[in-house]
C-alpha cells in the first residue's frame, strides 16, 4: 500500500465506492489518477461449462468459483506477488474487504493496436512489449488468466499487466493455464483493425524464443485447430458466420490461421 495515502483519501474513495454503480472506474485525487475496483465474485456460467465439457478446449476452461472477498484477496495478493518477481503490475494504493485502488499505469494497449492507421512497426512494437511481459509471467511459473491485449497497459515504453481475478481448479496444470494465456493473447489480436494481416507464425515463434520451456505450444495450437476442424467447417457456412457475432468470428479466424502454421 502507498504509505502516503491518508485518511482524507480513504474517506473520499469510500464515498466514491458507495455512490458509483460501476464495478471499475477511474478518479483523480491530488492531481493523480487512480482506478477503483470493487470486490466481485467469479464463476463460469452453465453454458460455458457445457461447451468446455463438449469440446475440451483450453480457452473454455471454467474459472474457479470465488466469493467477492475471496476474489479481491486473490487478485491483490497476486498483483503483489508478481511485482516481487519483477513483473510490471500496478501499485496498490489502498485495499479493504470491499474494494481496492490502483495507481494509474497508462492506456490499454488495445487503444493503440485497434487504430486503423497503425503501422506495422508500431503494431509489432506493442506486440513485442506484451509478449515480453507475458513471457516474464510464464518464466516465473505463473499464469495471467486473462492475457488479452485489453489487460496490458502502456505508458512511456513500459507495458503493465492488469486484471488477475480469475483462478482455476488446483487440478489444472500450470502448462495448461499458460497455453490458455497464449490462446487468449492471440485471439485478442484478431480484433485489430489494421490494414495489414498479422504474421501469427512470427508472433508464436517469438513467444517460444522468450519461453523455450513451452516450445511444444506451437504443435499444441496446430493440434487444437485440427481437433475442431468440424466446427471450423460449420463456421465457413455463410448464415452461421453471420449468426455467431464478431467474437465468434475472431475465434474461428484464429483457428483457421493456426491450421496453416508453418512447421
Protein backbone atom coordinates (compact mmCIF):
# COMPACT_ATOMS: atom_id res chain seq x y z
CA UNK A 1 0.00 0.00 0.00
CA UNK A 2 1.14 3.54 -0.73
CA UNK A 3 2.22 4.93 2.66
CA UNK A 4 1.46 8.49 1.52
CA UNK A 5 -2.25 7.69 1.35
CA UNK A 6 -4.05 9.42 4.20
CA UNK A 7 -7.41 9.39 5.94
CA UNK A 8 -8.90 12.00 3.60
CA UNK A 9 -8.06 9.87 0.55
CA UNK A 10 -9.68 6.80 2.09
CA UNK A 11 -12.81 8.75 3.02
CA UNK A 12 -13.03 10.24 -0.47
CA UNK A 13 -12.56 6.84 -2.14
CA UNK A 14 -15.11 5.19 0.16
CA UNK A 15 -17.67 7.83 -0.80
CA UNK A 16 -16.96 7.20 -4.49
CA UNK A 17 -17.31 3.44 -3.93
CA UNK A 18 -20.71 3.95 -2.29
CA UNK A 19 -22.09 6.34 -4.89
CA UNK A 20 -20.79 4.77 -8.12
CA UNK A 21 -22.61 1.80 -9.68
CA UNK A 22 -19.68 0.78 -11.88
CA UNK A 23 -17.51 -2.15 -10.81
CA UNK A 24 -14.35 -0.46 -12.10
CA UNK A 25 -13.88 3.29 -12.56
CA UNK A 26 -11.17 5.94 -12.52
CA UNK A 27 -10.93 9.07 -10.43
CA UNK A 28 -8.42 11.79 -9.69
CA UNK A 29 -7.10 12.82 -6.31
CA UNK A 30 -4.37 15.36 -5.63
CA UNK A 31 -3.54 15.55 -9.37
CA UNK A 32 -3.01 11.80 -9.68
CA UNK A 33 -5.24 9.29 -11.46
CA UNK A 34 -6.40 6.10 -9.77
CA UNK A 35 -8.64 3.14 -10.56
CA UNK A 36 -11.10 1.72 -8.04
CA UNK A 37 -12.13 -1.92 -8.48
CA UNK A 38 -14.96 -3.31 -6.40
CA UNK A 39 -14.80 -6.82 -5.00
CA UNK A 40 -16.79 -9.14 -7.26
CA UNK A 41 -17.42 -12.87 -7.29
CA UNK A 42 -16.02 -15.06 -10.06
CA UNK A 43 -17.69 -18.05 -11.66
CA UNK A 44 -18.42 -19.54 -15.08
CA UNK A 45 -21.99 -19.88 -16.28
CA UNK A 46 -23.59 -23.22 -17.16
CA UNK A 47 -23.31 -22.66 -20.94
CA UNK A 48 -19.58 -22.00 -20.55
CA UNK A 49 -19.17 -25.22 -18.55
CA UNK A 50 -21.28 -27.18 -21.07
CA UNK A 51 -19.17 -26.13 -24.05
CA UNK A 52 -15.96 -26.92 -22.18
CA UNK A 53 -17.27 -30.44 -21.44
CA UNK A 54 -18.33 -30.78 -25.08
CA UNK A 55 -15.12 -29.53 -26.71
CA UNK A 56 -12.39 -29.82 -24.04
CA UNK A 57 -10.81 -26.64 -25.45
CA UNK A 58 -8.37 -24.99 -23.06
CA UNK A 59 -9.62 -21.49 -23.78
CA UNK A 60 -13.03 -22.52 -22.40
CA UNK A 61 -11.70 -23.68 -19.03
CA UNK A 62 -14.25 -22.68 -16.37
CA UNK A 63 -12.92 -20.24 -13.80
CA UNK A 64 -12.88 -21.12 -10.13
CA UNK A 65 -15.93 -20.04 -8.14
CA UNK A 66 -14.94 -17.43 -5.54
CA UNK A 67 -16.85 -15.01 -3.34
CA UNK A 68 -16.30 -11.28 -3.84
CA UNK A 69 -13.98 -11.12 -0.84
CA UNK A 70 -12.04 -14.24 -1.92
CA UNK A 71 -11.65 -12.79 -5.41
CA UNK A 72 -10.32 -9.48 -4.07
CA UNK A 73 -7.81 -11.22 -1.80
CA UNK A 74 -6.69 -13.50 -4.64
CA UNK A 75 -6.16 -10.64 -7.11
CA UNK A 76 -4.40 -8.20 -4.78
CA UNK A 77 -2.15 -10.96 -3.44
CA UNK A 78 -1.25 -11.99 -6.98
CA UNK A 79 -0.53 -8.41 -8.04
CA UNK A 80 1.88 -8.04 -5.11
CA UNK A 81 3.49 -11.45 -5.69
CA UNK A 82 4.09 -10.77 -9.39
CA UNK A 83 5.57 -7.36 -8.57
CA UNK A 84 8.03 -9.02 -6.18
CA UNK A 85 9.12 -11.25 -9.08
CA UNK A 86 9.93 -8.22 -11.26
CA UNK A 87 6.74 -8.28 -13.34
CA UNK A 88 5.14 -4.93 -14.14
CA UNK A 89 1.88 -4.72 -12.20
CA UNK A 90 0.11 -1.60 -10.90
CA UNK A 91 0.86 -0.20 -7.46
CA UNK A 92 -1.94 -0.88 -4.97
CA UNK A 93 -2.70 2.43 -3.26
CA UNK A 94 -5.35 1.06 -0.89
CA UNK A 95 -7.39 -2.06 -0.23
CA UNK A 96 -10.06 -3.28 2.16
CA UNK A 97 -12.68 -6.04 2.07
CA UNK A 98 -14.92 -4.16 -0.37
CA UNK A 99 -12.60 -2.63 -2.97
CA UNK A 100 -9.02 -1.87 -3.89
CA UNK A 101 -7.40 1.10 -5.61
CA UNK A 102 -4.62 1.00 -8.19
CA UNK A 103 -2.38 3.83 -9.30
CA UNK A 104 -2.91 4.57 -12.98
CA UNK A 105 -0.41 2.86 -15.31
CA UNK A 106 -1.41 4.34 -18.67
CA UNK A 107 -3.78 3.43 -21.51
CA UNK A 108 -4.88 -0.01 -22.65
CA UNK A 109 -2.70 -1.36 -25.45
CA UNK A 110 -5.97 -2.01 -27.29
CA UNK A 111 -6.44 1.73 -27.73
CA UNK A 112 -3.26 1.76 -29.83
CA UNK A 113 -3.36 -1.51 -31.78
CA UNK A 114 -7.01 -1.15 -32.83
CA UNK A 115 -6.38 2.04 -34.77
CA UNK A 116 -6.98 1.58 -38.49
CA UNK A 117 -3.95 3.66 -39.43
CA UNK A 118 -1.45 1.85 -37.19
CA UNK A 119 1.81 0.98 -38.95
CA UNK A 120 3.41 -2.48 -38.92
CA UNK A 121 6.34 -1.05 -37.00
CA UNK A 122 4.08 0.28 -34.22
CA UNK A 123 1.93 -2.86 -34.16
CA UNK A 124 4.88 -5.17 -33.60
CA UNK A 125 6.38 -2.69 -31.11
CA UNK A 126 3.34 -3.13 -28.85
CA UNK A 127 3.09 -6.88 -29.50
CA UNK A 128 6.75 -7.29 -28.58
CA UNK A 129 6.28 -5.43 -25.28
CA UNK A 130 3.22 -7.51 -24.38
CA UNK A 131 4.96 -10.76 -25.30
CA UNK A 132 7.92 -9.88 -23.09
CA UNK A 133 5.65 -9.22 -20.13
CA UNK A 134 3.65 -12.40 -20.73
CA UNK A 135 6.90 -14.34 -21.05
CA UNK A 136 8.14 -12.89 -17.78
CA UNK A 137 4.97 -14.11 -16.09
CA UNK A 138 5.34 -17.60 -17.59
CA UNK A 139 9.06 -17.88 -16.89
CA UNK A 140 8.31 -17.13 -13.24
CA UNK A 141 5.99 -20.15 -13.03
CA UNK A 142 2.86 -18.00 -13.08
CA UNK A 143 -0.10 -17.55 -15.41
CA UNK A 144 -2.04 -14.41 -16.25
CA UNK A 145 -5.58 -15.77 -16.52
CA UNK A 146 -6.82 -13.01 -18.83
CA UNK A 147 -3.95 -12.37 -21.21
CA UNK A 148 -5.90 -10.37 -23.80
CA UNK A 149 -4.41 -7.18 -25.18
CA UNK A 150 -7.00 -5.19 -23.21
CA UNK A 151 -5.32 -6.36 -20.00
CA UNK A 152 -1.96 -4.81 -20.84
CA UNK A 153 -1.47 -1.12 -20.14
CA UNK A 154 1.09 1.10 -21.92
CA UNK A 155 2.88 4.20 -20.68
CA UNK A 156 6.30 5.62 -21.56
CA UNK A 157 7.53 2.46 -23.34
CA UNK A 158 6.51 0.23 -20.42
CA UNK A 159 3.72 -2.35 -20.51
CA UNK A 160 1.97 -3.24 -17.25
CA UNK A 161 -0.22 -6.33 -16.82
CA UNK A 162 -3.61 -5.99 -15.10
CA UNK A 163 -6.75 -7.98 -14.20
CA UNK A 164 -5.75 -11.12 -12.30
CA UNK A 165 -9.03 -12.06 -10.66
CA UNK A 166 -9.52 -15.38 -12.50
CA UNK A 167 -8.27 -18.55 -10.86
CA UNK A 168 -8.80 -22.20 -11.75
CA UNK A 169 -9.22 -25.58 -10.15
CA UNK A 170 -6.00 -26.73 -8.48
CA UNK A 171 -6.01 -29.87 -10.66
CA UNK A 172 -5.36 -27.78 -13.79
CA UNK A 173 -1.66 -27.81 -14.68
CA UNK A 174 0.38 -24.63 -14.98
CA UNK A 175 1.27 -25.61 -18.56
CA UNK A 176 -2.43 -25.75 -19.46
CA UNK A 177 -3.06 -22.33 -17.93
CA UNK A 178 -0.07 -20.84 -19.75
CA UNK A 179 -1.26 -22.40 -23.00
CA UNK A 180 -4.66 -20.84 -22.39
CA UNK A 181 -2.92 -17.48 -21.84
CA UNK A 182 -1.24 -17.73 -25.25
CA UNK A 183 -4.51 -18.61 -26.99
CA UNK A 184 -6.27 -15.66 -25.34
CA UNK A 185 -3.43 -13.35 -26.35
CA UNK A 186 -3.51 -14.49 -29.99
CA UNK A 187 -7.31 -14.32 -30.05
CA UNK A 188 -7.28 -10.72 -28.85
CA UNK A 189 -5.04 -9.78 -31.78
CA UNK A 190 -7.71 -10.90 -34.28
CA UNK A 191 -9.72 -7.84 -33.24
CA UNK A 192 -7.27 -5.27 -34.58
CA UNK A 193 -8.46 -3.06 -37.42
CA UNK A 194 -5.07 -2.77 -39.09
CA UNK A 195 -4.87 -2.57 -42.87
CA UNK A 196 -2.41 -5.50 -42.94
CA UNK A 197 -2.54 -9.13 -41.81
CA UNK A 198 -0.59 -10.13 -38.73
CA UNK A 199 2.08 -12.82 -39.00
CA UNK A 200 0.92 -15.26 -36.34
CA UNK A 201 3.71 -17.68 -37.19
CA UNK A 202 6.24 -14.97 -36.31
CA UNK A 203 4.38 -13.98 -33.11
CA UNK A 204 4.20 -17.57 -31.85
CA UNK A 205 7.86 -18.16 -32.68
CA UNK A 206 8.77 -15.01 -30.76
CA UNK A 207 6.84 -16.28 -27.73
CA UNK A 208 8.66 -19.62 -27.91
CA UNK A 209 12.03 -17.85 -28.09
CA UNK A 210 11.12 -16.00 -24.92
CA UNK A 211 9.65 -19.06 -23.17
CA UNK A 212 11.65 -22.02 -24.52
CA UNK A 213 10.16 -24.43 -21.96
CA UNK A 214 6.87 -24.05 -23.86
CA UNK A 215 8.33 -24.88 -27.28
CA UNK A 216 5.61 -27.53 -27.73
CA UNK A 217 2.89 -24.88 -27.72
CA UNK A 218 3.09 -24.41 -31.48
CA UNK A 219 2.28 -28.07 -32.08
CA UNK A 220 -0.44 -27.89 -29.43
CA UNK A 221 -2.02 -24.96 -31.26
CA UNK A 222 -1.98 -26.85 -34.56
CA UNK A 223 -3.41 -29.98 -32.92
CA UNK A 224 -6.17 -27.97 -31.30
CA UNK A 225 -7.04 -26.34 -34.63
CA UNK A 226 -7.24 -29.78 -36.25
CA UNK A 227 -9.34 -31.07 -33.35
CA UNK A 228 -12.06 -28.51 -34.01
CA UNK A 229 -11.95 -28.80 -37.81
CA UNK A 230 -15.61 -29.83 -37.84
CA UNK A 231 -16.65 -26.60 -36.09
CA UNK A 232 -14.43 -24.60 -38.45
CA UNK A 233 -16.18 -26.12 -41.45
CA UNK A 234 -19.56 -25.16 -39.94
CA UNK A 235 -18.31 -21.62 -39.40
CA UNK A 236 -17.50 -21.28 -43.11
CA UNK A 237 -21.21 -21.61 -43.92
CA UNK A 238 -22.35 -18.04 -44.56
CA UNK A 239 -25.50 -17.95 -42.43
CA UNK A 240 -23.69 -19.47 -39.43
CA UNK A 241 -20.87 -16.94 -39.82
CA UNK A 242 -23.43 -14.15 -39.62
CA UNK A 243 -25.10 -15.67 -36.55
CA UNK A 244 -22.12 -16.10 -34.25
CA UNK A 245 -21.09 -12.45 -33.97
CA UNK A 246 -17.72 -10.73 -34.01
CA UNK A 247 -16.21 -12.56 -31.02
CA UNK A 248 -17.07 -15.94 -32.51
CA UNK A 249 -15.72 -14.87 -35.88
CA UNK A 250 -12.42 -13.89 -34.25
CA UNK A 251 -12.20 -17.31 -32.60
CA UNK A 252 -12.62 -19.18 -35.88
CA UNK A 253 -10.46 -16.74 -37.79
CA UNK A 254 -7.64 -17.54 -35.38
CA UNK A 255 -8.02 -21.31 -35.65
CA UNK A 256 -8.17 -21.21 -39.44
CA UNK A 257 -4.81 -19.38 -39.27
CA UNK A 258 -3.44 -21.88 -36.75
CA UNK A 259 -4.27 -24.81 -39.03
CA UNK A 260 -1.94 -23.29 -41.62
CA UNK A 261 1.03 -22.59 -39.34
CA UNK A 262 4.45 -23.46 -40.69
CA UNK A 263 6.48 -26.21 -39.04
